[in-house]
Amino acid sequence: MPFDGDSHQSIEKWIELFEDVVNMFNLSDLHKLVFGKRSLRGKAKLYIQSETGVNSWENLKDLLLSEFGYSCTSAELHEMLSKRKLKDDESLEEYFLKMKQLCNRGNVEDTALMQYVINGIPDSVIRKSILYGCQNLSEFKQKLRVYEKMRFDYDKVKPNKPKFGNETKDRIKAPKIENKDKLKDTK
């Protein structure tokens, strides 16, 4: 599991995953340092190569956190989440996981994450209504799969329709009554 220092990767999350793996094998500090350095790529690798005296895992970890640690206020995090929308080349599962990854930068409740994901899907509220009311993230992920299947089936049946958007043309409309006088009760 490499770390390259790109902004989409959380160093805190990488360190947590790395330590989970090395602790399973009960590795020494020296082994952690060696494997930690060998897992670095790109900017992260260049940064550590430019530093001197990196001789322990704790030292390596502190340097990586100070250089690549990302801190933002809760307001900035919520703004990022509200601006993030589903991209055309992205599956709903990828979108959900990227939103969840953003949430790891702070303390965001699961219900807020679900609402941000729903708001970021450019589709009518009626079609997205299946996604509301979930009690937990597991249930939400299941409903996302069902919603994606429904959307796929809809796009297959209606190939000329736009992929997303307001579906007012699909709604059942009441017939127009041209001569309202015919409906009046005459006595």
Protein backbone atom coordinates (compact mmCIF):
# COMPACT_ATOMS: atom_id res chain seq x y z
CA MET A 1 0.00 0.00 0.00
CA PRO A 2 2.05 2.91 -1.29
CA PHE A 3 1.73 6.54 -0.23
CA ASP A 4 2.64 9.22 -2.77
CA GLY A 5 1.70 12.45 -1.01
CA ASP A 6 -1.10 13.44 -3.36
CA SER A 7 -3.86 15.55 -1.86
CA HIS A 8 -6.50 12.86 -2.33
CA GLN A 9 -4.63 10.54 0.03
CA SER A 10 -4.86 11.04 3.77
CA ILE A 11 -1.53 10.46 5.50
CA GLU A 12 -3.36 9.82 8.75
CA LYS A 13 -5.43 7.05 7.16
CA TRP A 14 -2.35 5.59 5.41
CA ILE A 15 -0.42 5.46 8.70
CA GLU A 16 -3.39 3.82 10.43
CA LEU A 17 -3.62 1.13 7.72
CA PHE A 18 0.16 0.66 7.62
CA GLU A 19 0.37 0.22 11.39
CA ASP A 20 -2.53 -2.25 11.35
CA VAL A 21 -0.62 -4.41 8.86
CA VAL A 22 2.80 -4.25 10.52
CA ASN A 23 1.29 -4.85 13.97
CA MET A 24 -0.40 -8.03 12.72
CA PHE A 25 3.08 -9.36 11.99
CA ASN A 26 4.56 -7.94 15.21
CA LEU A 27 7.37 -6.23 13.29
CA SER A 28 10.21 -4.40 15.00
CA ASP A 29 10.65 -0.65 14.75
CA LEU A 30 13.50 -1.18 12.27
CA HIS A 31 11.30 -3.31 10.01
CA LYS A 32 8.52 -0.70 10.22
CA LEU A 33 11.01 1.97 9.15
CA VAL A 34 12.30 -0.10 6.22
CA PHE A 35 8.84 -1.10 4.98
CA GLY A 36 7.53 2.41 5.58
CA LYS A 37 10.27 3.98 3.44
CA ARG A 38 9.80 1.33 0.72
CA SER A 39 6.07 2.13 0.60
CA LEU A 40 6.66 5.77 -0.30
CA ARG A 41 6.29 7.03 -3.87
CA GLY A 42 6.36 10.36 -5.68
CA LYS A 43 6.51 13.50 -3.54
CA ALA A 44 6.51 11.55 -0.29
CA LYS A 45 9.56 9.55 -1.32
CA LEU A 46 11.40 12.67 -2.51
CA TYR A 47 10.60 14.46 0.73
CA ILE A 48 11.94 11.67 2.95
CA GLN A 49 15.05 11.31 0.76
CA SER A 50 15.73 15.01 1.28
CA GLU A 51 15.57 14.65 5.07
CA THR A 52 18.49 13.49 7.19
CA GLY A 53 18.45 11.44 10.37
CA VAL A 54 15.33 9.43 9.59
CA ASN A 55 16.30 6.43 11.71
CA SER A 56 13.09 5.22 13.37
CA TRP A 57 9.48 4.55 12.44
CA GLU A 58 8.27 7.20 14.89
CA ASN A 59 10.61 9.75 13.30
CA LEU A 60 9.44 8.82 9.79
CA LYS A 61 5.80 8.98 10.87
CA ASP A 62 6.26 12.43 12.49
CA LEU A 63 7.96 13.81 9.37
CA LEU A 64 5.22 12.47 7.08
CA LEU A 65 2.48 13.87 9.32
CA SER A 66 4.11 17.30 9.52
CA GLU A 67 4.61 17.49 5.74
CA PHE A 68 1.49 15.78 4.40
CA GLY A 69 -0.97 16.06 7.27
CA TYR A 70 -4.07 17.88 6.20
CA SER A 71 -6.09 19.83 8.66
CA CYS A 72 -9.19 21.77 7.86
CA THR A 73 -11.96 23.32 9.86
CA SER A 74 -15.32 21.62 10.04
CA ALA A 75 -16.77 24.49 7.98
CA GLU A 76 -14.21 23.87 5.20
CA LEU A 77 -14.92 20.14 5.31
CA HIS A 78 -18.68 20.64 5.06
CA GLU A 79 -18.18 23.08 2.18
CA MET A 80 -16.03 20.51 0.32
CA LEU A 81 -18.69 17.85 0.89
CA SER A 82 -21.52 20.08 -0.30
CA LYS A 83 -19.63 21.08 -3.46
CA ARG A 84 -18.58 17.54 -4.40
CA LYS A 85 -20.92 16.12 -7.05
CA LEU A 86 -21.13 12.78 -8.83
CA LYS A 87 -18.97 12.87 -11.97
CA ASP A 88 -20.09 11.43 -15.31
CA ASP A 89 -17.24 8.89 -15.36
CA GLU A 90 -17.77 7.77 -11.76
CA SER A 91 -19.94 4.95 -10.43
CA LEU A 92 -22.16 5.60 -7.43
CA GLU A 93 -20.00 3.28 -5.35
CA GLU A 94 -16.82 5.21 -6.26
CA TYR A 95 -18.56 8.50 -5.51
CA PHE A 96 -19.78 7.22 -2.14
CA LEU A 97 -16.31 5.94 -1.18
CA LYS A 98 -14.64 9.23 -2.16
CA MET A 99 -17.20 11.15 -0.11
CA LYS A 100 -16.58 8.80 2.82
CA GLN A 101 -12.83 9.38 2.41
CA LEU A 102 -13.42 13.14 2.61
CA CYS A 103 -15.41 12.61 5.82
CA ASN A 104 -12.36 10.91 7.37
CA ARG A 105 -10.71 14.33 7.50
CA GLY A 106 -13.03 15.34 10.30
CA ASN A 107 -15.95 14.25 12.41
CA VAL A 108 -18.94 13.89 10.09
CA GLU A 109 -21.96 11.86 11.16
CA ASP A 110 -23.11 9.00 8.93
CA THR A 111 -26.49 10.69 8.39
CA ALA A 112 -24.74 13.84 7.16
CA LEU A 113 -22.57 11.77 4.80
CA MET A 114 -25.68 10.10 3.37
CA GLN A 115 -27.35 13.47 2.84
CA TYR A 116 -24.27 14.93 1.11
CA VAL A 117 -24.10 11.89 -1.20
CA ILE A 118 -27.80 12.19 -2.10
CA ASN A 119 -27.47 15.95 -2.70
CA GLY A 120 -24.48 15.35 -4.98
CA ILE A 121 -26.38 13.05 -7.34
CA PRO A 122 -27.77 15.14 -10.22
CA ASP A 123 -31.17 13.48 -10.52
CA SER A 124 -34.75 14.30 -9.58
CA VAL A 125 -35.77 14.06 -5.95
CA ILE A 126 -38.48 11.58 -6.92
CA ARG A 127 -36.00 9.14 -8.43
CA LYS A 128 -33.58 9.58 -5.52
CA SER A 129 -36.32 9.06 -2.92
CA ILE A 130 -35.30 5.40 -2.53
CA LEU A 131 -32.08 6.61 -0.86
CA TYR A 132 -33.78 8.39 2.04
CA GLY A 133 -34.53 6.91 5.44
CA CYS A 134 -31.52 4.63 5.83
CA GLN A 135 -30.56 3.79 9.41
CA ASN A 136 -26.88 3.06 8.72
CA LEU A 137 -24.21 3.10 6.00
CA SER A 138 -24.63 -0.59 5.20
CA GLU A 139 -28.31 -0.10 4.38
CA PHE A 140 -27.44 3.06 2.42
CA LYS A 141 -24.88 1.20 0.28
CA GLN A 142 -27.48 -1.47 -0.51
CA LYS A 143 -29.98 1.19 -1.55
CA LEU A 144 -27.31 2.88 -3.68
CA ARG A 145 -26.84 -0.39 -5.58
CA VAL A 146 -30.61 -0.71 -6.10
CA TYR A 147 -30.82 2.93 -7.20
CA GLU A 148 -27.94 2.48 -9.66
CA LYS A 149 -29.65 -0.60 -11.13
CA MET A 150 -32.94 1.32 -11.44
CA ARG A 151 -31.13 4.18 -13.14
CA PHE A 152 -29.36 1.79 -15.51
CA ASP A 153 -32.65 0.06 -16.39
CA TYR A 154 -34.35 3.42 -16.93
CA ASP A 155 -31.55 4.62 -19.21
CA LYS A 156 -31.80 1.36 -21.17
CA VAL A 157 -35.56 1.75 -21.67
CA LYS A 158 -35.36 5.48 -22.41
CA PRO A 159 -32.06 5.80 -24.34
CA ASN A 160 -32.83 9.28 -25.69
CA LYS A 161 -33.55 10.73 -22.27
CA PRO A 162 -30.86 12.70 -20.49
CA LYS A 163 -28.98 10.57 -17.99
CA PHE A 164 -29.90 12.82 -15.07
CA GLY A 165 -32.10 15.75 -14.39
CA ASN A 166 -35.67 16.76 -13.88
CA GLU A 167 -37.97 14.06 -15.17
CA THR A 168 -41.10 16.19 -15.56
CA LYS A 169 -41.94 14.71 -18.96
CA ASP A 170 -42.24 11.26 -17.39
CA ARG A 171 -44.79 12.35 -14.84
CA ILE A 172 -48.42 11.52 -15.40
CA LYS A 173 -50.28 14.67 -16.30
CA ALA A 174 -53.97 15.22 -15.94
CA PRO A 175 -55.80 15.52 -19.27
CA LYS A 176 -56.77 19.01 -20.33
CA ILE A 177 -60.45 19.81 -20.27
CA GLU A 178 -61.20 22.08 -23.17
CA ASN A 179 -64.79 22.94 -22.44
CA LYS A 180 -65.29 23.36 -18.72
CA ASP A 181 -68.96 24.25 -19.18
CA LYS A 182 -69.78 20.64 -20.01
CA LEU A 183 -68.78 19.64 -16.50
CA LYS A 184 -71.19 22.02 -14.79
CA ASP A 185 -74.37 20.51 -13.46
CA THR A 186 -77.25 21.93 -15.45
CA LYS A 187 -80.73 21.88 -13.90
